[in-house]
Amino acid sequence: METAPLYRQLADRYLDAIRAGTLRTGDKLPSLRSLMRLHGISLSTALQLCRTLESDGWVEARDRSGYFVQRPRRLVIASMEEPAAVAPDPAQFVGIHAKVSDFVSRRRQGEARVDFSTARGAPDLYPAAALRSAMVRLLRQQPMLLTRAAPSRDSSPMREAVARRGLRVGMALAPEDVLVTHGCIEALNLALRAVAQPGDTVAVESPTFYGLLQVLESLGMRALEIPTSPQTGLSIEALEMAIEAYGRIKAVVVVPHLQNPLGSVMPDAHKQRLVALCERHAIALIEDDTYSELLDGAETPPRAIKSWDRSGNVIHCASLHKILAPGLRLGWISAGRWQGRVEMLKYAQTRSTEELGQWAAGEFMASSAYDRHLRRLREKLAHQRACTADAIAAHFPPGTRLNLPPGGLQLWVELPERLSSATVFDAALRERILFAPGTLFSNSSRFDHYLRINCGWPFDEAIEAGLRRLGEIVAACGEQAPYRPRLAA
C-alpha cells in the first residue's frame, strides 16, 4: 500500500482535529510559517496542506488573514423532506424479485471498480483474529463440535449472551426465549410465517430493505407500504389511517434504529404508541433490530420496542451480520407468544444452527472485548460516513439532498430534479461503479430518484474518485449530455 504524501498526512491530522471539535468553525489554522516550524516542512508542503483542506471544503482562505475552519459541506447540503402522512397505496402482492434479480445479475457482469451497492462493512472492521482464536480453543476443548449433530435446543453461550445484553435495552429474556437463526433474514421468515398466511397483508416501512420485500413475495403475502420519516421512522399516523382504511393487517415490520435505507431512529414515544396501537388491533409487531449497536454513542443503547411489550405481541429479531461476523450468518429471534410455533417452523425448515460459530460468537459477546470492538467499529464508521457525505456534497450537482444518520453503514441520497436512479445506474455500471438504486426499496416507482450509498469500506482515494465520478455521471444524466466513459477499462 502506497504511503500518502506528507501534505496529505498532515491535512488528515488537521481534519481529525476539526472532526473531533478541537478546531471549531471560525478557528484560524496556524500560519504557513508556523506550520513550517511545527512540522519541519517546506513552504510548498505547508501550502499544499492548506489548499487540500480548502479544496475539501473544511477551511476557507481569507485575504491577508490566513486559513479558517468553515462549516463542512455535508452540513449545508439540504436534508430530506418529511413524507406526507397520507393513507398508503392499497396492499399488493410484492413484485420485487424481478427487479432484484436483474440488479444482482447486472452487478455480476464484471468486477466492480468501486462498489457502493451493499450495506456491509469491510472485513478488516471485524475481530477476525479473536474469533479465529476462540474457534481454535473451542475445538481443542470440544473436538466433536464439528462432527456431532447440533441439538435443536441448547444452552450455547450465544443465547446466554443475547439474553444478558437484552437487559441493556429493557428486555427481560431467558436464554430459552432466544432461538438462534441463520441471520436476521431467517428470523424474519420465521416471524412472518408464524403470524400470517399467503394472501395476508403485512405493513412495512416505505422505503424498506428489499430483502424483506423478497421474503414477503416468496411467502405470497401482500405488502402495504407505510410512509416513513428519514428522522423518526414509520409514520404512526399513516399506519392508523391504513388500519382504518384497509381493515385486517396481520403484522407490522419495522427497523426502529438506523432503518435501512433511511437511517432513521424511532423516538421512544413513537415506539410506545406503536406497541399500544398493534396491541389494540391484535396486529403482530415484528422488530428488526439489526443496526442498533451501530448508533453513535450506543454505549447507552436505545430501548428495544419489545421492552414495552407486556403481552408477547412483539417479535424481536436481530443479527450479528453487520456488527460482529458477516461470514457466520448468525441471527436470533425472541417470538413472545409465538415462540413455540417459531421453534416448530425452525425445526421443519432448517433444523438447528451449527454450534461452532454460536459458541465462538457467544464467548466473544460475553467478554469486555466485544464492547471495545463495537466502540472501534462505531468510530470508524462515523469517520467513513462523514468522509462519504463530504464527498457527495462536494461532487454531486446542486439540488442533491442527503440524509445523514446518527450511525450505521449507509447514506440515502435524493437526486436533483427527480432524476431516475435507474438511468444513473445504467451509466455508472458501464464504468463499473455500483450503487443500490432506489427502485429496489419499494414496489412502486416513488423512490426512483433516490440511491443508497454504502459507507462500510475505509475512505481512500479510490472511494473518493468513485464518488467524484458518480457525481459527474449524475450531472451528465441530468443534463442529458452525451455519455462519455472516463475511467480506463
Protein backbone atom coordinates (compact mmCIF):
# COMPACT_ATOMS: atom_id res chain seq x y z
CA MET A 1 0.00 0.00 0.00
CA GLU A 2 1.40 3.38 -1.01
CA THR A 3 2.01 5.95 1.71
CA ALA A 4 0.08 9.20 1.29
CA PRO A 5 2.16 12.32 0.55
CA LEU A 6 3.31 14.23 3.61
CA TYR A 7 0.97 17.17 2.93
CA ARG A 8 -1.99 14.75 2.79
CA GLN A 9 -0.95 13.04 6.02
CA LEU A 10 -0.75 16.42 7.77
CA ALA A 11 -4.03 17.57 6.23
CA ASP A 12 -5.70 14.42 7.58
CA ARG A 13 -4.27 15.19 11.02
CA TYR A 14 -5.88 18.64 11.00
CA LEU A 15 -9.08 17.17 9.59
CA ASP A 16 -9.23 14.76 12.53
CA ALA A 17 -8.86 17.73 14.88
CA ILE A 18 -11.74 19.52 13.13
CA ARG A 19 -13.99 16.47 13.29
CA ALA A 20 -13.13 15.93 16.97
CA GLY A 21 -14.06 19.56 17.75
CA THR A 22 -10.53 20.53 18.76
CA LEU A 23 -10.63 23.05 15.91
CA ARG A 24 -14.07 24.61 15.52
CA THR A 25 -15.83 26.64 12.86
CA GLY A 26 -14.18 30.07 12.74
CA ASP A 27 -10.89 28.97 14.33
CA LYS A 28 -7.75 30.00 12.50
CA LEU A 29 -5.22 27.44 11.36
CA PRO A 30 -1.55 28.06 12.21
CA SER A 31 0.10 30.41 9.73
CA LEU A 32 2.23 28.98 6.93
CA ARG A 33 5.38 29.91 8.81
CA SER A 34 4.04 28.27 11.97
CA LEU A 35 3.17 25.11 10.03
CA MET A 36 6.69 25.03 8.59
CA ARG A 37 8.20 25.34 12.04
CA LEU A 38 5.77 22.96 13.78
CA HIS A 39 6.18 20.13 11.30
CA GLY A 40 9.60 20.80 9.83
CA ILE A 41 8.18 21.17 6.31
CA SER A 42 8.81 23.42 3.35
CA LEU A 43 6.62 26.34 2.32
CA SER A 44 5.38 24.32 -0.65
CA THR A 45 4.23 21.45 1.62
CA ALA A 46 2.53 23.88 4.03
CA LEU A 47 0.67 25.47 1.12
CA GLN A 48 -0.42 22.08 -0.23
CA LEU A 49 -1.67 21.11 3.24
CA CYS A 50 -3.88 24.22 3.49
CA ARG A 51 -5.08 24.08 -0.10
CA THR A 52 -6.05 20.42 0.34
CA LEU A 53 -8.22 21.31 3.32
CA GLU A 54 -9.63 24.23 1.36
CA SER A 55 -10.46 22.16 -1.74
CA ASP A 56 -12.13 19.56 0.50
CA GLY A 57 -14.33 22.30 1.95
CA TRP A 58 -13.01 22.28 5.51
CA VAL A 59 -11.24 25.66 5.56
CA GLU A 60 -11.53 28.93 3.70
CA ALA A 61 -8.75 31.35 2.80
CA ARG A 62 -9.32 34.96 3.89
CA ASP A 63 -7.35 37.65 2.17
CA ARG A 64 -4.25 38.60 4.21
CA SER A 65 -5.65 36.77 7.25
CA GLY A 66 -4.87 33.09 6.67
CA TYR A 67 -6.98 29.94 6.66
CA PHE A 68 -10.07 29.50 8.86
CA VAL A 69 -12.16 26.44 9.67
CA GLN A 70 -15.55 26.58 7.97
CA ARG A 71 -18.80 24.65 8.14
CA PRO A 72 -18.32 21.30 6.33
CA ARG A 73 -20.15 20.96 3.05
CA ARG A 74 -22.16 17.98 4.25
CA LEU A 75 -23.80 20.17 6.90
CA VAL A 76 -25.08 22.69 4.37
CA ILE A 77 -26.45 20.18 1.85
CA ALA A 78 -30.23 20.12 2.01
CA SER A 79 -31.78 17.48 4.23
CA MET A 80 -34.66 15.32 3.07
CA GLU A 81 -38.26 16.37 3.39
CA GLU A 82 -40.70 14.55 5.64
CA PRO A 83 -43.25 12.32 3.90
CA ALA A 84 -46.88 13.35 3.87
CA ALA A 85 -48.93 11.49 6.49
CA VAL A 86 -51.45 10.16 3.99
CA ALA A 87 -53.09 6.77 3.70
CA PRO A 88 -50.79 4.39 1.81
CA ASP A 89 -51.48 2.76 -1.53
CA PRO A 90 -53.54 -0.44 -1.47
CA ALA A 91 -51.68 -3.53 -0.36
CA GLN A 92 -50.26 -5.56 -3.21
CA PHE A 93 -48.60 -8.86 -3.82
CA VAL A 94 -44.93 -7.99 -3.94
CA GLY A 95 -43.25 -7.79 -7.34
CA ILE A 96 -39.67 -7.24 -6.29
CA HIS A 97 -38.00 -10.50 -7.35
CA ALA A 98 -37.57 -9.48 -10.97
CA LYS A 99 -36.01 -6.13 -10.05
CA VAL A 100 -33.63 -7.65 -7.51
CA SER A 101 -32.67 -10.49 -9.86
CA ASP A 102 -31.90 -8.00 -12.62
CA PHE A 103 -29.86 -5.88 -10.20
CA VAL A 104 -27.86 -8.87 -8.92
CA SER A 105 -27.20 -10.33 -12.38
CA ARG A 106 -26.03 -6.99 -13.76
CA ARG A 107 -23.77 -6.43 -10.75
CA ARG A 108 -22.06 -9.72 -11.59
CA GLN A 109 -21.30 -8.85 -15.20
CA GLY A 110 -17.79 -7.79 -14.29
CA GLU A 111 -15.62 -6.90 -11.33
CA ALA A 112 -16.64 -3.58 -9.83
CA ARG A 113 -14.11 -0.78 -9.79
CA VAL A 114 -15.91 0.87 -6.88
CA ASP A 115 -18.84 -0.84 -5.12
CA PHE A 116 -21.26 1.27 -3.07
CA SER A 117 -24.15 -1.16 -3.55
CA THR A 118 -24.18 -3.27 -0.36
CA ALA A 119 -24.88 -2.31 3.27
CA ARG A 120 -21.81 -4.11 4.54
CA GLY A 121 -18.64 -3.37 6.45
CA ALA A 122 -15.15 -4.16 5.21
CA PRO A 123 -13.72 -7.44 6.58
CA ASP A 124 -10.95 -5.54 8.37
CA LEU A 125 -13.54 -3.84 10.59
CA TYR A 126 -14.31 -7.11 12.40
CA PRO A 127 -12.28 -9.05 15.01
CA ALA A 128 -11.21 -11.92 12.76
CA ALA A 129 -8.17 -12.89 14.83
CA ALA A 130 -10.11 -13.01 18.10
CA LEU A 131 -12.90 -15.12 16.59
CA ARG A 132 -10.37 -17.46 14.97
CA SER A 133 -8.56 -17.91 18.29
CA ALA A 134 -11.86 -18.61 20.04
CA MET A 135 -12.74 -21.29 17.48
CA VAL A 136 -9.33 -22.99 17.76
CA ARG A 137 -9.58 -23.01 21.56
CA LEU A 138 -13.14 -24.39 21.44
CA LEU A 139 -12.15 -27.19 19.08
CA ARG A 140 -9.35 -28.17 21.43
CA GLN A 141 -11.77 -28.23 24.34
CA GLN A 142 -14.67 -29.81 22.42
CA PRO A 143 -13.20 -31.67 19.42
CA MET A 144 -16.60 -33.12 18.49
CA LEU A 145 -18.24 -29.72 17.83
CA LEU A 146 -17.89 -30.14 14.07
CA THR A 147 -18.81 -33.81 13.89
CA ARG A 148 -21.71 -34.17 16.32
CA ALA A 149 -25.24 -33.16 15.43
CA ALA A 150 -26.18 -29.83 16.99
CA PRO A 151 -29.09 -30.13 19.43
CA SER A 152 -32.30 -28.35 18.45
CA ARG A 153 -32.34 -26.64 21.86
CA ASP A 154 -29.16 -25.99 23.78
CA SER A 155 -27.69 -23.53 26.23
CA SER A 156 -24.99 -22.11 23.97
CA PRO A 157 -23.03 -19.08 25.20
CA MET A 158 -24.58 -17.06 22.38
CA ARG A 159 -28.14 -17.47 23.67
CA GLU A 160 -26.95 -16.59 27.16
CA ALA A 161 -25.06 -13.52 25.90
CA VAL A 162 -28.04 -12.30 23.86
CA ALA A 163 -30.35 -12.67 26.86
CA ARG A 164 -27.88 -10.89 29.15
CA ARG A 165 -27.33 -7.99 26.73
CA GLY A 166 -31.09 -7.70 26.29
CA LEU A 167 -31.22 -6.20 29.78
CA ARG A 168 -29.32 -3.16 28.44
CA VAL A 169 -32.22 -2.35 26.09
CA GLY A 170 -35.04 -3.12 28.51
CA MET A 171 -35.82 -6.73 27.56
CA ALA A 172 -36.13 -9.41 30.24
CA LEU A 173 -35.26 -12.57 28.31
CA ALA A 174 -34.25 -16.02 29.48
CA PRO A 175 -31.76 -17.93 27.28
CA GLU A 176 -34.57 -20.30 26.29
CA ASP A 177 -36.50 -17.30 24.90
CA VAL A 178 -33.73 -16.86 22.29
CA LEU A 179 -33.69 -19.01 19.16
CA VAL A 180 -30.52 -18.76 17.04
CA THR A 181 -31.16 -18.45 13.30
CA HIS A 182 -29.29 -18.24 10.01
CA GLY A 183 -29.05 -14.46 10.08
CA CYS A 184 -31.87 -11.99 10.58
CA ILE A 185 -33.43 -12.91 7.24
CA GLU A 186 -34.35 -16.37 8.56
CA ALA A 187 -35.67 -14.77 11.74
CA LEU A 188 -37.96 -12.54 9.68
CA ASN A 189 -39.07 -15.52 7.59
CA LEU A 190 -39.99 -17.44 10.73
CA ALA A 191 -41.77 -14.46 12.30
CA LEU A 192 -43.90 -13.82 9.22
CA ARG A 193 -44.77 -17.49 8.74
CA ALA A 194 -45.77 -17.70 12.40
CA VAL A 195 -48.25 -14.82 12.31
CA ALA A 196 -49.56 -14.68 8.72
CA GLN A 197 -50.61 -16.83 5.79
CA PRO A 198 -50.32 -16.45 2.00
CA GLY A 199 -52.64 -13.69 0.87
CA ASP A 200 -52.46 -11.79 4.18
CA THR A 201 -51.46 -8.13 4.38
CA VAL A 202 -48.27 -7.04 6.15
CA ALA A 203 -47.48 -3.35 6.76
CA VAL A 204 -43.88 -2.32 6.04
CA GLU A 205 -41.89 0.88 6.04
CA SER A 206 -41.58 2.75 2.77
CA PRO A 207 -38.84 2.74 1.61
CA THR A 208 -37.74 -0.56 3.10
CA PHE A 209 -34.98 -3.16 2.72
CA TYR A 210 -35.60 -5.06 -0.50
CA GLY A 211 -34.74 -8.35 1.24
CA LEU A 212 -37.91 -8.01 3.30
CA LEU A 213 -39.96 -7.43 0.13
CA GLN A 214 -38.40 -10.57 -1.33
CA VAL A 215 -39.39 -12.56 1.76
CA LEU A 216 -42.97 -11.32 1.54
CA GLU A 217 -43.16 -12.17 -2.14
CA SER A 218 -41.77 -15.65 -1.57
CA LEU A 219 -44.42 -16.22 1.13
CA GLY A 220 -47.26 -14.99 -1.10
CA MET A 221 -48.13 -12.11 1.24
CA ARG A 222 -49.28 -8.59 0.38
CA ALA A 223 -47.08 -5.60 1.27
CA LEU A 224 -48.73 -2.42 2.49
CA GLU A 225 -46.15 0.38 2.33
CA ILE A 226 -46.43 2.96 5.12
CA PRO A 227 -44.78 6.42 4.68
CA THR A 228 -41.61 6.62 6.75
CA SER A 229 -39.75 9.67 8.02
CA PRO A 230 -35.97 9.91 7.43
CA GLN A 231 -35.74 11.20 11.01
CA THR A 232 -38.31 9.38 13.16
CA GLY A 233 -39.16 6.24 11.21
CA LEU A 234 -42.53 4.74 10.35
CA SER A 235 -45.43 7.22 10.48
CA ILE A 236 -47.77 6.09 13.27
CA GLU A 237 -50.46 8.41 11.89
CA ALA A 238 -50.26 6.82 8.43
CA LEU A 239 -50.39 3.35 9.96
CA GLU A 240 -53.51 4.31 11.92
CA MET A 241 -55.12 5.51 8.67
CA ALA A 242 -54.15 2.26 6.96
CA ILE A 243 -55.70 0.18 9.73
CA GLU A 244 -58.96 2.13 9.41
CA ALA A 245 -58.94 2.07 5.61
CA TYR A 246 -57.83 -1.48 4.85
CA GLY A 247 -59.09 -3.50 7.76
CA ARG A 248 -57.25 -6.66 8.66
CA ILE A 249 -53.47 -6.21 8.75
CA LYS A 250 -51.76 -9.28 10.18
CA ALA A 251 -48.35 -7.81 11.01
CA VAL A 252 -46.21 -4.69 11.01
CA VAL A 253 -42.45 -4.97 10.35
CA VAL A 254 -40.21 -2.10 11.49
CA VAL A 255 -36.50 -1.33 11.86
CA PRO A 256 -36.58 1.16 14.75
CA HIS A 257 -32.88 2.08 14.83
CA LEU A 258 -30.93 3.12 11.71
CA GLN A 259 -33.65 1.94 9.36
CA ASN A 260 -32.44 0.54 6.05
CA PRO A 261 -32.15 2.56 3.80
CA LEU A 262 -33.18 5.83 5.51
CA GLY A 263 -31.07 5.64 8.67
CA SER A 264 -33.96 6.96 10.79
CA VAL A 265 -34.22 6.39 14.54
CA MET A 266 -37.64 5.99 16.12
CA PRO A 267 -38.15 8.04 19.31
CA ASP A 268 -39.22 6.17 22.43
CA ALA A 269 -42.63 7.89 22.41
CA HIS A 270 -43.27 6.55 18.90
CA LYS A 271 -42.23 3.05 19.95
CA GLN A 272 -44.68 3.12 22.83
CA ARG A 273 -47.51 4.33 20.59
CA LEU A 274 -46.72 1.65 18.02
CA VAL A 275 -46.76 -1.14 20.63
CA ALA A 276 -50.09 0.09 22.01
CA LEU A 277 -51.63 0.50 18.54
CA CYS A 278 -50.68 -3.00 17.42
CA GLU A 279 -51.82 -4.49 20.71
CA ARG A 280 -55.18 -2.72 20.47
CA HIS A 281 -55.83 -4.03 16.97
CA ALA A 282 -54.34 -7.53 17.53
CA ILE A 283 -51.63 -6.95 14.93
CA ALA A 284 -48.30 -8.74 15.41
CA LEU A 285 -45.39 -6.31 15.66
CA ILE A 286 -42.09 -7.61 14.25
CA GLU A 287 -38.99 -5.64 15.31
CA ASP A 288 -35.82 -5.96 13.20
CA ASP A 289 -33.13 -4.54 15.49
CA THR A 290 -30.07 -5.43 13.40
CA TYR A 291 -28.42 -1.99 13.48
CA SER A 292 -28.89 -0.53 16.97
CA GLU A 293 -25.32 -1.36 18.10
CA LEU A 294 -24.05 0.86 15.26
CA LEU A 295 -25.68 4.00 16.66
CA ASP A 296 -23.21 6.73 17.59
CA GLY A 297 -22.86 6.74 21.35
CA ALA A 298 -24.54 3.34 21.70
CA GLU A 299 -22.68 2.70 24.95
CA THR A 300 -26.12 3.72 26.25
CA PRO A 301 -28.22 1.87 23.69
CA PRO A 302 -31.83 2.84 22.89
CA ARG A 303 -34.66 0.77 24.29
CA ALA A 304 -35.91 -2.06 22.12
CA ILE A 305 -39.54 -1.91 21.07
CA LYS A 306 -40.01 -5.22 22.83
CA SER A 307 -39.17 -3.56 26.14
CA TRP A 308 -42.72 -2.10 26.15
CA ASP A 309 -44.32 -5.46 25.31
CA ARG A 310 -46.43 -6.91 28.12
CA SER A 311 -48.49 -9.47 26.19
CA GLY A 312 -45.95 -11.22 23.96
CA ASN A 313 -47.26 -9.38 20.87
CA VAL A 314 -43.78 -8.13 19.81
CA ILE A 315 -41.38 -10.45 17.99
CA HIS A 316 -37.78 -9.29 18.33
CA CYS A 317 -35.29 -10.21 15.56
CA ALA A 318 -31.63 -9.25 15.29
CA SER A 319 -28.30 -10.36 13.86
CA LEU A 320 -24.52 -10.27 14.23
CA HIS A 321 -24.11 -9.92 10.48
CA LYS A 322 -23.46 -6.16 10.49
CA ILE A 323 -21.80 -5.79 13.87
CA LEU A 324 -19.51 -8.75 14.51
CA ALA A 325 -19.12 -11.52 11.94
CA PRO A 326 -20.68 -11.22 8.46
CA GLY A 327 -19.31 -14.62 7.49
CA LEU A 328 -21.07 -16.51 10.28
CA ARG A 329 -24.65 -15.54 9.32
CA LEU A 330 -25.83 -15.66 12.93
CA GLY A 331 -29.10 -14.09 13.99
CA TRP A 332 -31.78 -14.70 16.59
CA ILE A 333 -35.46 -14.34 17.33
CA SER A 334 -37.47 -13.97 20.52
CA ALA A 335 -41.06 -14.51 19.45
CA GLY A 336 -43.16 -13.81 22.54
CA ARG A 337 -46.46 -15.70 22.43
CA TRP A 338 -45.47 -17.27 19.09
CA GLN A 339 -42.25 -18.78 20.45
CA GLY A 340 -43.47 -22.38 20.30
CA ARG A 341 -44.74 -22.02 16.74
CA VAL A 342 -41.48 -20.35 15.64
CA GLU A 343 -39.43 -23.20 17.13
CA MET A 344 -41.57 -25.72 15.27
CA LEU A 345 -41.19 -23.82 11.99
CA LYS A 346 -37.44 -23.51 12.50
CA TYR A 347 -37.16 -27.26 13.08
CA ALA A 348 -39.22 -28.02 9.98
CA GLN A 349 -37.33 -25.52 7.84
CA THR A 350 -33.63 -25.74 8.76
CA ARG A 351 -33.38 -27.80 11.95
CA SER A 352 -30.66 -26.34 14.19
CA THR A 353 -27.91 -23.79 13.53
CA GLU A 354 -24.29 -25.02 13.60
CA GLU A 355 -22.64 -24.84 17.01
CA LEU A 356 -19.05 -23.72 16.49
CA GLY A 357 -19.93 -20.23 15.32
CA GLN A 358 -22.50 -19.83 18.07
CA TRP A 359 -20.03 -20.82 20.78
CA ALA A 360 -17.25 -18.58 19.45
CA ALA A 361 -19.54 -15.58 18.98
CA GLY A 362 -21.19 -16.13 22.35
CA GLU A 363 -17.91 -16.25 24.24
CA PHE A 364 -16.71 -13.10 22.49
CA MET A 365 -20.00 -11.29 23.20
CA ALA A 366 -19.69 -12.17 26.89
CA SER A 367 -16.21 -10.58 27.13
CA SER A 368 -15.18 -6.96 27.52
CA ALA A 369 -13.51 -7.23 24.10
CA TYR A 370 -16.95 -7.15 22.47
CA ASP A 371 -17.78 -3.65 23.70
CA ARG A 372 -14.28 -2.44 22.79
CA HIS A 373 -14.80 -3.82 19.28
CA LEU A 374 -18.18 -2.09 18.99
CA ARG A 375 -16.71 1.25 20.09
CA ARG A 376 -13.95 1.00 17.48
CA LEU A 377 -16.43 -0.08 14.82
CA ARG A 378 -18.72 2.89 15.52
CA GLU A 379 -15.79 5.32 15.46
CA LYS A 380 -14.52 4.00 12.13
CA LEU A 381 -17.97 4.01 10.55
CA ALA A 382 -18.60 7.57 11.77
CA HIS A 383 -15.39 8.69 10.08
CA GLN A 384 -16.24 6.84 6.87
CA ARG A 385 -19.81 8.23 6.79
CA ALA A 386 -18.56 11.76 7.34
CA CYS A 387 -15.98 11.48 4.57
CA THR A 388 -18.55 9.95 2.19
CA ALA A 389 -21.09 12.67 2.98
CA ASP A 390 -18.42 15.34 2.41
CA ALA A 391 -17.55 13.83 -0.96
CA ILE A 392 -21.20 13.65 -2.06
CA ALA A 393 -21.75 17.26 -1.01
CA ALA A 394 -18.61 18.31 -2.88
CA HIS A 395 -19.05 16.32 -6.09
CA PHE A 396 -22.78 15.82 -6.71
CA PRO A 397 -24.73 18.53 -8.54
CA PRO A 398 -26.81 21.25 -6.83
CA GLY A 399 -30.21 20.08 -5.69
CA THR A 400 -28.88 16.82 -4.23
CA ARG A 401 -30.36 16.01 -0.82
CA LEU A 402 -28.80 13.79 1.79
CA ASN A 403 -29.94 12.10 4.99
CA LEU A 404 -27.04 12.00 7.47
CA PRO A 405 -27.95 9.33 10.03
CA PRO A 406 -26.50 9.11 13.56
CA GLY A 407 -24.75 5.83 12.84
CA GLY A 408 -24.73 2.84 10.54
CA LEU A 409 -23.34 1.78 7.20
CA GLN A 410 -25.18 3.76 4.54
CA LEU A 411 -26.41 7.09 3.22
CA TRP A 412 -29.72 7.68 1.43
CA VAL A 413 -29.32 10.26 -1.33
CA GLU A 414 -32.02 12.11 -3.26
CA LEU A 415 -31.03 13.07 -6.79
CA PRO A 416 -31.85 16.56 -8.12
CA GLU A 417 -34.77 17.24 -10.46
CA ARG A 418 -36.24 13.78 -9.73
CA LEU A 419 -33.55 12.24 -11.90
CA SER A 420 -34.01 8.48 -12.37
CA SER A 421 -31.52 6.43 -10.36
CA ALA A 422 -32.08 3.61 -12.88
CA THR A 423 -30.70 5.87 -15.61
CA VAL A 424 -27.71 6.77 -13.46
CA PHE A 425 -27.21 3.10 -12.54
CA ASP A 426 -27.01 2.12 -16.22
CA ALA A 427 -24.42 4.81 -16.92
CA ALA A 428 -22.37 4.10 -13.79
CA LEU A 429 -22.41 0.36 -14.43
CA ARG A 430 -20.64 0.90 -17.73
CA GLU A 431 -17.77 2.35 -15.71
CA ARG A 432 -18.02 -0.44 -13.13
CA ILE A 433 -19.29 1.86 -10.38
CA LEU A 434 -22.09 0.24 -8.40
CA PHE A 435 -24.74 1.56 -6.03
CA ALA A 436 -28.23 0.45 -4.96
CA PRO A 437 -30.90 2.31 -6.98
CA GLY A 438 -33.97 3.49 -5.11
CA THR A 439 -36.33 1.35 -7.19
CA LEU A 440 -35.20 -1.69 -5.15
CA PHE A 441 -36.64 -0.33 -1.92
CA SER A 442 -40.32 -0.20 -2.89
CA ASN A 443 -42.88 -1.95 -5.06
CA SER A 444 -43.76 1.43 -6.55
CA SER A 445 -41.58 3.84 -8.52
CA ARG A 446 -41.78 6.60 -5.91
CA PHE A 447 -38.13 6.19 -4.90
CA ASP A 448 -36.66 6.00 -8.38
CA HIS A 449 -34.87 9.33 -7.83
CA TYR A 450 -33.03 8.06 -4.75
CA LEU A 451 -29.98 5.86 -4.28
CA ARG A 452 -28.26 4.16 -1.37
CA ILE A 453 -24.52 4.52 -0.88
CA ASN A 454 -22.54 2.14 1.32
CA CYS A 455 -20.00 3.66 3.75
CA GLY A 456 -18.64 0.39 5.09
CA TRP A 457 -15.24 0.48 3.37
CA PRO A 458 -12.36 2.69 4.58
CA PHE A 459 -12.46 6.03 2.79
CA ASP A 460 -9.48 6.32 0.47
CA GLU A 461 -8.52 7.87 -2.86
CA ALA A 462 -10.33 5.16 -4.84
CA ILE A 463 -13.56 5.72 -2.92
CA GLU A 464 -13.33 9.49 -3.36
CA ALA A 465 -12.55 9.14 -7.06
CA GLY A 466 -15.56 6.84 -7.44
CA LEU A 467 -17.87 9.34 -5.74
CA ARG A 468 -16.43 12.19 -7.78
CA ARG A 469 -17.07 10.29 -11.00
CA LEU A 470 -20.52 9.20 -9.85
CA GLY A 471 -21.36 12.87 -9.20
CA GLU A 472 -20.23 13.69 -12.74
CA ILE A 473 -22.41 10.90 -14.12
CA VAL A 474 -25.41 12.23 -12.16
CA ALA A 475 -24.78 15.71 -13.58
CA ALA A 476 -24.39 14.37 -17.14
CA CYS A 477 -27.57 12.30 -16.89
CA GLY A 478 -29.40 15.33 -15.56
CA GLU A 479 -28.27 17.41 -18.50
CA GLN A 480 -28.97 14.54 -20.92
CA ALA A 481 -25.47 15.11 -22.20
CA PRO A 482 -23.79 12.58 -24.49
CA TYR A 483 -22.31 9.81 -22.37
CA ARG A 484 -18.50 9.56 -22.47
CA PRO A 485 -16.75 6.95 -20.29
CA ARG A 486 -13.74 8.38 -18.48
CA LEU A 487 -12.33 5.59 -16.35
CA ALA A 488 -9.87 3.27 -18.01
CA ALA A 489 -11.07 -0.27 -18.59
